[in-house]
Amino acid sequence: MSLDAKTVTRIARLARIGLKPEEIDALGKDMGSIIDWVEQLNEVDISDVPPMIGTGLAKARLREDAETDGNNREAVLSNAPEREGPFYTVPKVVE
């Protein structure tokens, strides 16, 4: 299947794609081959595949929010290039 120039131009305008006149035929052929490929999906036998329910109905299990101090201050501070006591030392950025 190949799309006519009018259809290709309309699709390009809707997609905000700038086309040169010499690109219209090639793009029409490319779009047509994509449509042909998608139409092949109609030939797939799905008679023995049970229908699926949308995944939007599933409810995620959430844990209770609990405030913690992280209990890993030394592990976090060990990654600091410089520290002073229990604090990061950073260069002064404002005079």
C-alpha atoms as a PDB file:
ATOM      1  CA  MET A   1       0.000   0.000   0.000  1.00  0.00           C
ATOM      2  CA  SER A   2       1.242   3.455  -0.828  1.00  0.00           C
ATOM      3  CA  LEU A   3      -0.356   6.608   0.493  1.00  0.00           C
ATOM      4  CA  ASP A   4      -1.211   9.406  -1.910  1.00  0.00           C
ATOM      5  CA  ALA A   5       0.589  12.749  -1.741  1.00  0.00           C
ATOM      6  CA  LYS A   6      -2.416  14.544  -0.246  1.00  0.00           C
ATOM      7  CA  THR A   7      -2.630  12.092   2.675  1.00  0.00           C
ATOM      8  CA  VAL A   8       1.126  12.155   3.297  1.00  0.00           C
ATOM      9  CA  THR A   9       1.142  15.953   3.265  1.00  0.00           C
ATOM     10  CA  ARG A  10      -1.770  16.079   5.710  1.00  0.00           C
ATOM     11  CA  ILE A  11      -0.129  13.585   8.099  1.00  0.00           C
ATOM     12  CA  ALA A  12       3.162  15.495   7.925  1.00  0.00           C
ATOM     13  CA  ARG A  13       1.370  18.764   8.684  1.00  0.00           C
ATOM     14  CA  LEU A  14      -0.441  17.219  11.664  1.00  0.00           C
ATOM     15  CA  ALA A  15       2.862  15.807  12.944  1.00  0.00           C
ATOM     16  CA  ARG A  16       4.555  19.169  12.358  1.00  0.00           C
ATOM     17  CA  ILE A  17       7.072  17.559   9.998  1.00  0.00           C
ATOM     18  CA  GLY A  18       8.487  19.765   7.273  1.00  0.00           C
ATOM     19  CA  LEU A  19       8.663  17.885   3.973  1.00  0.00           C
ATOM     20  CA  LYS A  20      10.317  18.788   0.715  1.00  0.00           C
ATOM     21  CA  PRO A  21       8.241  17.902  -2.364  1.00  0.00           C
ATOM     22  CA  GLU A  22      10.730  15.203  -3.384  1.00  0.00           C
ATOM     23  CA  GLU A  23      10.352  13.454   0.005  1.00  0.00           C
ATOM     24  CA  ILE A  24       6.584  12.947  -0.234  1.00  0.00           C
ATOM     25  CA  ASP A  25       6.620   9.820  -2.441  1.00  0.00           C
ATOM     26  CA  ALA A  26       9.294   8.046  -0.388  1.00  0.00           C
ATOM     27  CA  LEU A  27       7.515   8.833   2.874  1.00  0.00           C
ATOM     28  CA  GLY A  28       4.220   7.628   1.388  1.00  0.00           C
ATOM     29  CA  LYS A  29       5.803   4.286   0.497  1.00  0.00           C
ATOM     30  CA  ASP A  30       7.384   3.995   3.960  1.00  0.00           C
ATOM     31  CA  MET A  31       4.100   4.778   5.710  1.00  0.00           C
ATOM     32  CA  GLY A  32       2.313   2.314   3.447  1.00  0.00           C
ATOM     33  CA  SER A  33       4.717  -0.490   4.348  1.00  0.00           C
ATOM     34  CA  ILE A  34       4.175   0.262   8.041  1.00  0.00           C
ATOM     35  CA  ILE A  35       0.410   0.074   7.546  1.00  0.00           C
ATOM     36  CA  ASP A  36       0.807  -3.230   5.657  1.00  0.00           C
ATOM     37  CA  TRP A  37       2.868  -4.638   8.517  1.00  0.00           C
ATOM     38  CA  VAL A  38       0.270  -3.585  11.090  1.00  0.00           C
ATOM     39  CA  GLU A  39      -2.515  -5.113   8.975  1.00  0.00           C
ATOM     40  CA  GLN A  40      -0.702  -8.460   9.187  1.00  0.00           C
ATOM     41  CA  LEU A  41      -1.653  -8.501  12.856  1.00  0.00           C
ATOM     42  CA  ASN A  42      -5.265  -9.101  11.771  1.00  0.00           C
ATOM     43  CA  GLU A  43      -4.166 -12.480  10.393  1.00  0.00           C
ATOM     44  CA  VAL A  44      -2.853 -13.750  13.743  1.00  0.00           C
ATOM     45  CA  ASP A  45      -5.020 -16.531  15.212  1.00  0.00           C
ATOM     46  CA  ILE A  46      -5.981 -15.493  18.735  1.00  0.00           C
ATOM     47  CA  SER A  47      -9.011 -17.771  19.107  1.00  0.00           C
ATOM     48  CA  ASP A  48      -7.421 -19.762  21.947  1.00  0.00           C
ATOM     49  CA  VAL A  49      -6.063 -16.725  23.819  1.00  0.00           C
ATOM     50  CA  PRO A  50      -8.266 -15.700  26.753  1.00  0.00           C
ATOM     51  CA  PRO A  51      -9.317 -12.058  26.939  1.00  0.00           C
ATOM     52  CA  MET A  52      -7.276  -9.915  29.289  1.00  0.00           C
ATOM     53  CA  ILE A  53      -8.508  -7.462  31.854  1.00  0.00           C
ATOM     54  CA  GLY A  54      -6.899  -4.041  31.856  1.00  0.00           C
ATOM     55  CA  THR A  55      -4.038  -3.710  34.292  1.00  0.00           C
ATOM     56  CA  GLY A  56      -5.477  -0.463  35.621  1.00  0.00           C
ATOM     57  CA  LEU A  57      -7.734  -2.455  37.933  1.00  0.00           C
ATOM     58  CA  ALA A  58      -4.860  -3.946  39.921  1.00  0.00           C
ATOM     59  CA  LYS A  59      -4.187  -2.288  43.246  1.00  0.00           C
ATOM     60  CA  ALA A  60      -0.617  -1.940  44.445  1.00  0.00           C
ATOM     61  CA  ARG A  61       0.211  -3.116  47.930  1.00  0.00           C
ATOM     62  CA  LEU A  62       1.784  -0.277  49.866  1.00  0.00           C
ATOM     63  CA  ARG A  63       3.795  -0.400  53.045  1.00  0.00           C
ATOM     64  CA  GLU A  64       3.067   1.830  55.999  1.00  0.00           C
ATOM     65  CA  ASP A  65       5.018   5.075  56.032  1.00  0.00           C
ATOM     66  CA  ALA A  66       7.378   5.123  58.965  1.00  0.00           C
ATOM     67  CA  GLU A  67       9.779   7.886  59.899  1.00  0.00           C
ATOM     68  CA  THR A  68      13.310   6.651  60.561  1.00  0.00           C
ATOM     69  CA  ASP A  69      16.648   8.329  61.002  1.00  0.00           C
ATOM     70  CA  GLY A  70      18.190   6.006  58.441  1.00  0.00           C
ATOM     71  CA  ASN A  71      20.492   4.543  61.063  1.00  0.00           C
ATOM     72  CA  ASN A  72      23.457   4.809  58.696  1.00  0.00           C
ATOM     73  CA  ARG A  73      25.059   8.222  59.328  1.00  0.00           C
ATOM     74  CA  GLU A  74      28.610   6.871  59.269  1.00  0.00           C
ATOM     75  CA  ALA A  75      28.027   4.976  56.037  1.00  0.00           C
ATOM     76  CA  VAL A  76      26.693   8.125  54.354  1.00  0.00           C
ATOM     77  CA  LEU A  77      29.439  10.361  55.746  1.00  0.00           C
ATOM     78  CA  SER A  78      32.108   7.898  54.632  1.00  0.00           C
ATOM     79  CA  ASN A  79      31.307   8.953  51.039  1.00  0.00           C
ATOM     80  CA  ALA A  80      31.996  12.625  51.731  1.00  0.00           C
ATOM     81  CA  PRO A  81      35.263  13.981  50.335  1.00  0.00           C
ATOM     82  CA  GLU A  82      35.577  16.215  53.419  1.00  0.00           C
ATOM     83  CA  ARG A  83      33.732  16.262  56.708  1.00  0.00           C
ATOM     84  CA  GLU A  84      33.847  17.963  60.057  1.00  0.00           C
ATOM     85  CA  GLY A  85      32.318  15.903  62.810  1.00  0.00           C
ATOM     86  CA  PRO A  86      28.899  14.635  61.718  1.00  0.00           C
ATOM     87  CA  PHE A  87      28.642  17.196  58.865  1.00  0.00           C
ATOM     88  CA  TYR A  88      29.709  17.489  55.231  1.00  0.00           C
ATOM     89  CA  THR A  89      32.267  20.206  54.546  1.00  0.00           C
ATOM     90  CA  VAL A  90      31.588  22.058  51.310  1.00  0.00           C
ATOM     91  CA  PRO A  91      33.363  24.985  49.656  1.00  0.00           C
ATOM     92  CA  LYS A  92      31.929  28.429  50.272  1.00  0.00           C
ATOM     93  CA  VAL A  93      29.896  29.502  47.247  1.00  0.00           C
ATOM     94  CA  VAL A  94      28.581  32.908  48.358  1.00  0.00           C
ATOM     95  CA  GLU A  95      30.842  35.760  49.407  1.00  0.00           C
END
